[in-house]
Amino acid sequence: MDRLDKLPFDARVNIPDTVRGTELELTFAARGPDATLEQVERVFSYFSVAAEAGMFAGNVVHPAESLFRVQSKERAPRETRYRCRVRGIDRGAFRILLNVAAEMTRRGELLDAVSISGGTQDREASDLNQIMTRQYPGRARVTPFELTLSDFFFENREPLIRMQFRRTLTDDEFEQVRAVMEAWDRILMLGGYLDLADRDGDLLPEPGEFFLVEPLVIEHLLYAYQGPEESFNAVINMAVKLHTSGCQLSELEIE
């Protein structure tokens, strides 16, 4: 069975190239008269935090140039609609979002439909098949800090991410990094990088630990990780955007 048949809701997708910037409308519709979208809205907030942090910039646009800004949110009975300003977001990010929506439905917050559309007529848009067969977002071509990746780090069920900074972070900066890594954790926990057929039953990553181990070093430890190597591109991209914003790293290590 084709993976598109396994999405447990009606998906309508028409996503333009976002390199130069575009407007997107994303709509989530619940199934059943008593259904709510509270959890879906919370999970979408994680996706938007990760996207705004540069995690889904891919390898074409520099992460510092990527943008994902929710401009409006409208609620109606059994439906929530977002209008977003988007620039430099790899379209593979929306495969991640649809995977998460499928997991939410599997867990009981039933979705009847998901719609993602926008752009102008003169841009080549990607439909559902193209999105769901697209590679996950790549990583920045150049990192302005030392990047150390252990052999087969992505096969480790308890991978460790270590960020070493050039100066001590302020409390606000530390909380900013923590919030982005928590959003990424939640996306992993909801199978964002796993198609339904690739999941190991109900076993998905658990919330990670995030702590300051030295004045200049933050570590993030994951538990029960499963997913492709590409999922870590998000962390590398985030670190590049963070570095560009003034929180400069000397090294990012994943083992």
Protein backbone atom coordinates (compact mmCIF):
# COMPACT_ATOMS: atom_id res chain seq x y z
CA MET A 1 0.00 0.00 0.00
CA ASP A 2 1.32 3.45 -0.88
CA ARG A 3 2.20 5.56 2.14
CA LEU A 4 -0.31 8.22 1.04
CA ASP A 5 -3.13 5.76 1.65
CA LYS A 6 -2.05 5.53 5.27
CA LEU A 7 -2.66 9.14 6.19
CA PRO A 8 -5.74 8.81 8.42
CA PHE A 9 -7.37 12.01 7.15
CA ASP A 10 -8.10 13.86 3.94
CA ALA A 11 -4.98 15.85 3.02
CA ARG A 12 -5.11 18.69 0.51
CA VAL A 13 -1.69 20.08 -0.27
CA ASN A 14 -0.47 22.74 -2.71
CA ILE A 15 2.77 24.24 -1.41
CA PRO A 16 4.83 26.71 -3.45
CA ASP A 17 8.57 27.25 -3.33
CA THR A 18 9.23 29.38 -0.26
CA VAL A 19 12.75 30.59 -1.08
CA ARG A 20 11.63 34.15 -1.86
CA GLY A 21 8.82 34.14 0.68
CA THR A 22 5.15 33.33 0.42
CA GLU A 23 1.89 33.21 2.38
CA LEU A 24 0.57 29.85 3.50
CA GLU A 25 -2.83 28.89 4.86
CA LEU A 26 -2.96 25.78 7.05
CA THR A 27 -6.29 24.36 8.19
CA PHE A 28 -6.95 21.51 10.61
CA ALA A 29 -10.47 20.08 10.79
CA ALA A 30 -11.59 17.72 13.56
CA ARG A 31 -13.71 14.60 13.07
CA GLY A 32 -16.89 14.17 15.06
CA PRO A 33 -19.23 16.66 16.76
CA ASP A 34 -17.42 16.53 20.11
CA ALA A 35 -13.86 16.54 18.76
CA THR A 36 -11.42 19.25 19.82
CA LEU A 37 -8.18 20.54 18.37
CA GLU A 38 -6.48 21.57 21.59
CA GLN A 39 -3.59 19.12 21.28
CA VAL A 40 -3.20 19.74 17.56
CA GLU A 41 -2.87 23.47 18.22
CA ARG A 42 -0.23 22.82 20.86
CA VAL A 43 1.74 20.58 18.51
CA PHE A 44 1.50 23.12 15.69
CA SER A 45 3.06 25.65 18.06
CA TYR A 46 6.06 23.30 18.43
CA PHE A 47 6.35 23.05 14.65
CA SER A 48 6.23 26.83 14.23
CA VAL A 49 8.86 27.37 16.97
CA ALA A 50 11.18 24.86 15.29
CA ALA A 51 10.62 26.38 11.85
CA GLU A 52 11.21 29.95 13.07
CA ALA A 53 14.45 28.78 14.72
CA GLY A 54 15.79 27.77 11.29
CA MET A 55 15.49 24.02 11.82
CA PHE A 56 13.77 23.40 8.48
CA ALA A 57 15.81 25.75 6.29
CA GLY A 58 17.36 22.89 4.33
CA ASN A 59 20.56 23.30 2.32
CA VAL A 60 19.50 26.01 -0.12
CA VAL A 61 18.66 28.95 2.13
CA HIS A 62 20.92 30.00 5.01
CA PRO A 63 19.10 29.21 8.27
CA ALA A 64 19.42 32.85 9.38
CA GLU A 65 17.31 33.85 6.35
CA SER A 66 14.50 31.39 7.04
CA LEU A 67 11.25 32.58 8.57
CA PHE A 68 8.00 31.05 9.74
CA ARG A 69 5.66 33.61 11.25
CA VAL A 70 2.05 32.93 12.27
CA GLN A 71 0.17 36.07 11.24
CA SER A 72 -3.32 35.02 12.27
CA LYS A 73 -5.21 32.18 13.89
CA GLU A 74 -8.93 31.64 13.47
CA ARG A 75 -11.09 29.16 15.33
CA ALA A 76 -14.43 27.83 14.17
CA PRO A 77 -16.42 24.82 15.38
CA ARG A 78 -14.21 21.78 14.72
CA GLU A 79 -11.67 23.81 12.69
CA THR A 80 -8.56 25.92 13.23
CA ARG A 81 -7.01 27.98 10.45
CA TYR A 82 -3.57 29.60 10.44
CA ARG A 83 -2.21 32.16 8.02
CA CYS A 84 1.57 32.24 8.01
CA ARG A 85 4.35 34.22 6.41
CA VAL A 86 6.99 31.74 5.26
CA ARG A 87 10.45 32.18 3.74
CA GLY A 88 13.25 29.71 3.18
CA ILE A 89 11.46 26.68 4.63
CA ASP A 90 12.28 23.42 2.86
CA ARG A 91 9.06 21.81 1.66
CA GLY A 92 10.14 18.56 3.29
CA ALA A 93 9.17 20.24 6.57
CA PHE A 94 5.52 19.75 5.66
CA ARG A 95 6.06 16.02 5.36
CA ILE A 96 7.14 16.23 9.00
CA LEU A 97 4.00 18.17 9.89
CA LEU A 98 1.72 15.66 8.14
CA ASN A 99 3.49 12.75 9.89
CA VAL A 100 2.86 14.46 13.23
CA ALA A 101 -0.80 15.05 12.35
CA ALA A 102 -1.14 11.36 11.49
CA GLU A 103 0.31 10.37 14.86
CA MET A 104 -2.04 12.76 16.68
CA THR A 105 -4.98 11.10 14.93
CA ARG A 106 -3.67 7.65 15.79
CA ARG A 107 -3.54 8.68 19.44
CA GLY A 108 -7.16 9.75 19.46
CA GLU A 109 -7.32 13.44 18.54
CA LEU A 110 -9.10 12.61 15.33
CA LEU A 111 -8.54 14.80 12.32
CA ASP A 112 -10.94 14.77 9.41
CA ALA A 113 -8.83 16.93 7.10
CA VAL A 114 -5.59 18.89 6.84
CA SER A 115 -5.10 21.55 4.18
CA ILE A 116 -1.86 23.39 3.36
CA SER A 117 -1.88 25.83 0.47
CA GLY A 118 -0.64 29.19 -0.73
CA GLY A 119 1.61 31.04 -3.10
CA THR A 120 1.17 32.53 -6.52
CA GLN A 121 0.26 30.99 -9.84
CA ASP A 122 3.68 31.44 -11.43
CA ARG A 123 5.52 29.26 -8.90
CA GLU A 124 5.80 25.53 -9.16
CA ALA A 125 3.81 24.05 -6.29
CA SER A 126 4.20 20.63 -4.66
CA ASP A 127 1.17 18.41 -4.23
CA LEU A 128 0.61 15.76 -1.58
CA ASN A 129 2.51 13.02 -3.39
CA GLN A 130 5.51 15.27 -3.95
CA ILE A 131 5.56 16.37 -0.31
CA MET A 132 5.22 12.87 1.14
CA THR A 133 7.97 11.47 -1.09
CA ARG A 134 10.27 14.43 -0.59
CA GLN A 135 13.48 14.16 1.41
CA TYR A 136 13.45 15.63 4.90
CA PRO A 137 15.12 19.07 5.13
CA GLY A 138 18.86 19.06 4.61
CA ARG A 139 21.44 20.94 6.62
CA ALA A 140 23.39 24.16 6.13
CA ARG A 141 26.25 23.71 3.68
CA VAL A 142 28.69 25.63 5.88
CA THR A 143 28.84 25.70 9.67
CA PRO A 144 30.66 28.64 11.33
CA PHE A 145 31.78 26.40 14.20
CA GLU A 146 33.38 23.00 14.56
CA LEU A 147 30.88 20.23 13.81
CA THR A 148 31.74 16.82 15.26
CA LEU A 149 29.52 13.86 14.38
CA SER A 150 30.31 10.45 15.84
CA ASP A 151 30.19 7.47 13.49
CA PHE A 152 26.62 6.17 13.22
CA PHE A 153 25.44 8.63 15.87
CA PHE A 154 21.92 8.37 14.44
CA GLU A 155 21.80 4.67 15.33
CA ASN A 156 22.29 5.47 19.01
CA ARG A 157 19.02 5.11 20.94
CA GLU A 158 20.32 7.65 23.48
CA PRO A 159 22.17 10.25 21.39
CA LEU A 160 23.87 13.15 23.14
CA ILE A 161 23.96 16.66 21.69
CA ARG A 162 26.62 18.96 23.11
CA MET A 163 26.76 22.69 22.33
CA GLN A 164 29.82 24.64 23.39
CA PHE A 165 29.46 28.42 23.25
CA ARG A 166 32.08 31.16 23.05
CA ARG A 167 30.52 33.10 25.90
CA THR A 168 28.12 32.49 28.77
CA LEU A 169 24.49 32.65 27.69
CA THR A 170 22.07 34.94 29.48
CA ASP A 171 19.11 33.32 31.22
CA ASP A 172 16.84 34.42 28.36
CA GLU A 173 19.17 32.96 25.75
CA PHE A 174 19.40 29.67 27.64
CA GLU A 175 15.60 29.47 27.81
CA GLN A 176 15.38 30.25 24.10
CA VAL A 177 17.63 27.31 23.23
CA ARG A 178 15.79 25.05 25.70
CA ALA A 179 12.40 25.95 24.17
CA VAL A 180 13.57 25.17 20.64
CA MET A 181 15.10 21.85 21.66
CA GLU A 182 11.90 20.96 23.52
CA ALA A 183 9.90 21.70 20.36
CA TRP A 184 12.22 19.41 18.36
CA ASP A 185 11.85 16.70 21.02
CA ARG A 186 8.07 16.89 20.76
CA ILE A 187 8.22 16.58 16.98
CA LEU A 188 10.40 13.47 17.36
CA MET A 189 8.06 12.05 20.02
CA LEU A 190 5.16 12.38 17.58
CA GLY A 191 6.97 10.59 14.75
CA GLY A 192 7.62 13.65 12.62
CA TYR A 193 10.53 11.94 10.88
CA LEU A 194 8.87 8.53 10.65
CA ASP A 195 6.19 7.42 8.24
CA LEU A 196 3.54 5.32 9.97
CA ALA A 197 4.84 2.11 8.39
CA ASP A 198 8.36 2.77 9.75
CA ARG A 199 7.43 3.13 13.42
CA ASP A 200 8.40 0.58 16.01
CA GLY A 201 4.91 0.05 17.40
CA ASP A 202 4.13 2.55 20.15
CA LEU A 203 7.81 3.06 20.98
CA LEU A 204 8.74 6.64 20.14
CA PRO A 205 11.37 8.97 21.64
CA GLU A 206 10.79 10.21 25.17
CA PRO A 207 11.33 13.79 26.41
CA GLY A 208 15.04 14.54 26.61
CA GLU A 209 17.13 16.08 29.35
CA PHE A 210 18.53 19.56 28.85
CA PHE A 211 21.12 20.97 31.21
CA LEU A 212 24.07 23.30 31.62
CA VAL A 213 27.03 21.06 32.43
CA GLU A 214 29.68 23.81 32.36
CA PRO A 215 29.42 27.60 32.06
CA LEU A 216 29.89 27.38 28.29
CA VAL A 217 28.45 23.91 27.58
CA ILE A 218 24.85 22.76 27.16
CA GLU A 219 24.01 19.06 26.75
CA HIS A 220 20.81 17.50 25.50
CA LEU A 221 20.24 13.77 25.96
CA LEU A 222 17.50 11.87 24.12
CA TYR A 223 15.89 8.59 25.17
CA ALA A 224 14.50 5.81 22.96
CA TYR A 225 15.43 7.75 19.83
CA GLN A 226 14.43 6.34 16.47
CA GLY A 227 14.55 8.13 13.18
CA PRO A 228 16.70 8.92 10.17
CA GLU A 229 19.99 10.76 10.20
CA GLU A 230 18.22 13.73 8.58
CA SER A 231 16.36 14.51 11.80
CA PHE A 232 19.58 15.92 13.26
CA ASN A 233 19.90 18.40 10.40
CA ALA A 234 17.35 20.46 12.32
CA VAL A 235 19.72 20.83 15.27
CA ILE A 236 22.64 21.80 13.03
CA ASN A 237 20.52 24.41 11.22
CA MET A 238 19.23 25.80 14.51
CA ALA A 239 22.80 26.12 15.79
CA VAL A 240 23.84 28.01 12.63
CA LYS A 241 20.98 30.51 13.03
CA LEU A 242 21.71 30.83 16.74
CA HIS A 243 25.39 31.51 16.00
CA THR A 244 24.45 34.16 13.45
CA SER A 245 22.13 35.87 15.94
CA GLY A 246 24.98 36.46 18.39
CA CYS A 247 24.96 33.30 20.53
CA GLN A 248 28.14 32.05 18.91
CA LEU A 249 29.19 28.43 19.24
CA SER A 250 32.71 27.08 19.13
CA GLU A 251 31.57 23.48 18.62
CA LEU A 252 28.47 21.33 18.10
CA GLU A 253 28.94 17.65 18.84
CA ILE A 254 26.46 14.81 18.31
CA GLU A 255 27.37 11.35 19.54
